[in-house]
Amino acid sequence: MRNKKRYAVVIDTYIYADNDYMARKMAHNIKRTIKGDHTRVIDIYEQPFAGIKTRSLGNISEPSVRETELPF
């Protein structure tokens, strides 16, 4: 590792989900599949197709199994 350089990579992607809970879950599932030391979810926005307005999710934490709010 000493001879390797460290790079920061910003990845932007769209996911399709039924609600905020599922969007958070999918974002964190993607995060776990990326190989890296400090991969994190920085922000999640609702971005309607062909729309100008966005809505930032207030809670972007990884959903726990015991979360009280159900996705339906």
C-alpha atoms as a PDB file:
ATOM      1  CA  MET A   1       0.000   0.000   0.000  1.00  0.00           C
ATOM      2  CA  ARG A   2       2.921   2.370   0.491  1.00  0.00           C
ATOM      3  CA  ASN A   3       3.619   2.690  -3.227  1.00  0.00           C
ATOM      4  CA  LYS A   4       0.000   3.285  -4.171  1.00  0.00           C
ATOM      5  CA  LYS A   5      -1.581   6.695  -4.536  1.00  0.00           C
ATOM      6  CA  ARG A   6      -4.946   7.426  -2.946  1.00  0.00           C
ATOM      7  CA  TYR A   7      -7.755   8.887  -5.077  1.00  0.00           C
ATOM      8  CA  ALA A   8     -11.136  10.339  -4.233  1.00  0.00           C
ATOM      9  CA  VAL A   9     -13.881   9.320  -6.658  1.00  0.00           C
ATOM     10  CA  VAL A  10     -17.325  10.910  -6.715  1.00  0.00           C
ATOM     11  CA  ILE A  11     -20.017   8.688  -8.213  1.00  0.00           C
ATOM     12  CA  ASP A  12     -23.444   9.964  -9.193  1.00  0.00           C
ATOM     13  CA  THR A  13     -26.194   7.500 -10.009  1.00  0.00           C
ATOM     14  CA  TYR A  14     -29.962   7.305 -10.172  1.00  0.00           C
ATOM     15  CA  ILE A  15     -31.963   4.617  -8.408  1.00  0.00           C
ATOM     16  CA  TYR A  16     -35.676   3.982  -8.634  1.00  0.00           C
ATOM     17  CA  ALA A  17     -37.548   3.244  -5.402  1.00  0.00           C
ATOM     18  CA  ASP A  18     -41.131   3.295  -4.171  1.00  0.00           C
ATOM     19  CA  ASN A  19     -40.379   5.499  -1.157  1.00  0.00           C
ATOM     20  CA  ASP A  20     -37.659   7.180   0.923  1.00  0.00           C
ATOM     21  CA  TYR A  21     -37.008   4.070   3.023  1.00  0.00           C
ATOM     22  CA  MET A  22     -36.306   1.908  -0.030  1.00  0.00           C
ATOM     23  CA  ALA A  23     -34.136   4.636  -1.588  1.00  0.00           C
ATOM     24  CA  ARG A  24     -32.020   4.748   1.585  1.00  0.00           C
ATOM     25  CA  LYS A  25     -31.795   0.963   1.677  1.00  0.00           C
ATOM     26  CA  MET A  26     -30.734   0.708  -1.972  1.00  0.00           C
ATOM     27  CA  ALA A  27     -28.161   3.513  -1.613  1.00  0.00           C
ATOM     28  CA  HIS A  28     -26.499   1.803   1.327  1.00  0.00           C
ATOM     29  CA  ASN A  29     -26.562  -1.574  -0.431  1.00  0.00           C
ATOM     30  CA  ILE A  30     -24.664   0.011  -3.326  1.00  0.00           C
ATOM     31  CA  LYS A  31     -22.241   1.602  -0.855  1.00  0.00           C
ATOM     32  CA  ARG A  32     -21.450  -1.793   0.708  1.00  0.00           C
ATOM     33  CA  THR A  33     -20.574  -3.313  -2.691  1.00  0.00           C
ATOM     34  CA  ILE A  34     -17.943  -0.658  -3.449  1.00  0.00           C
ATOM     35  CA  LYS A  35     -14.431  -1.630  -2.410  1.00  0.00           C
ATOM     36  CA  GLY A  36     -12.845   1.235  -0.544  1.00  0.00           C
ATOM     37  CA  ASP A  37     -11.715   2.412   2.859  1.00  0.00           C
ATOM     38  CA  HIS A  38     -14.171   5.195   3.554  1.00  0.00           C
ATOM     39  CA  THR A  39     -17.132   4.813   1.216  1.00  0.00           C
ATOM     40  CA  ARG A  40     -20.128   6.808   2.410  1.00  0.00           C
ATOM     41  CA  VAL A  41     -23.494   8.115   1.281  1.00  0.00           C
ATOM     42  CA  ILE A  42     -23.180  11.903   1.236  1.00  0.00           C
ATOM     43  CA  ASP A  43     -26.704  12.898   0.205  1.00  0.00           C
ATOM     44  CA  ILE A  44     -29.876  11.453  -1.294  1.00  0.00           C
ATOM     45  CA  TYR A  45     -32.231  13.585  -3.365  1.00  0.00           C
ATOM     46  CA  GLU A  46     -35.653  12.852  -4.806  1.00  0.00           C
ATOM     47  CA  GLN A  47     -35.335  13.927  -8.450  1.00  0.00           C
ATOM     48  CA  PRO A  48     -38.519  13.484 -10.506  1.00  0.00           C
ATOM     49  CA  PHE A  49     -37.916  12.568 -14.137  1.00  0.00           C
ATOM     50  CA  ALA A  50     -37.811  15.684 -16.347  1.00  0.00           C
ATOM     51  CA  GLY A  51     -38.379  17.843 -13.263  1.00  0.00           C
ATOM     52  CA  ILE A  52     -36.393  20.809 -12.043  1.00  0.00           C
ATOM     53  CA  LYS A  53     -37.226  20.654  -8.335  1.00  0.00           C
ATOM     54  CA  THR A  54     -35.378  18.272  -6.043  1.00  0.00           C
ATOM     55  CA  ARG A  55     -36.021  17.236  -2.451  1.00  0.00           C
ATOM     56  CA  SER A  56     -33.171  16.295  -0.155  1.00  0.00           C
ATOM     57  CA  LEU A  57     -33.991  13.472   2.258  1.00  0.00           C
ATOM     58  CA  GLY A  58     -33.662  14.610   5.841  1.00  0.00           C
ATOM     59  CA  ASN A  59     -32.533  11.177   7.009  1.00  0.00           C
ATOM     60  CA  ILE A  60     -29.905   9.429   4.879  1.00  0.00           C
ATOM     61  CA  SER A  61     -28.747   6.961   7.511  1.00  0.00           C
ATOM     62  CA  GLU A  62     -28.689   3.256   6.721  1.00  0.00           C
ATOM     63  CA  PRO A  63     -32.047   1.716   7.684  1.00  0.00           C
ATOM     64  CA  SER A  64     -31.795  -0.739  10.539  1.00  0.00           C
ATOM     65  CA  VAL A  65     -33.683  -3.994  10.719  1.00  0.00           C
ATOM     66  CA  ARG A  66     -35.589  -2.711  13.735  1.00  0.00           C
ATOM     67  CA  GLU A  67     -36.644   0.603  12.227  1.00  0.00           C
ATOM     68  CA  THR A  68     -40.112   1.510  13.476  1.00  0.00           C
ATOM     69  CA  GLU A  69     -41.413   3.002  10.228  1.00  0.00           C
ATOM     70  CA  LEU A  70     -42.310   0.294   7.737  1.00  0.00           C
ATOM     71  CA  PRO A  71     -41.851   0.901   4.004  1.00  0.00           C
ATOM     72  CA  PHE A  72     -45.545   0.334   3.206  1.00  0.00           C
END
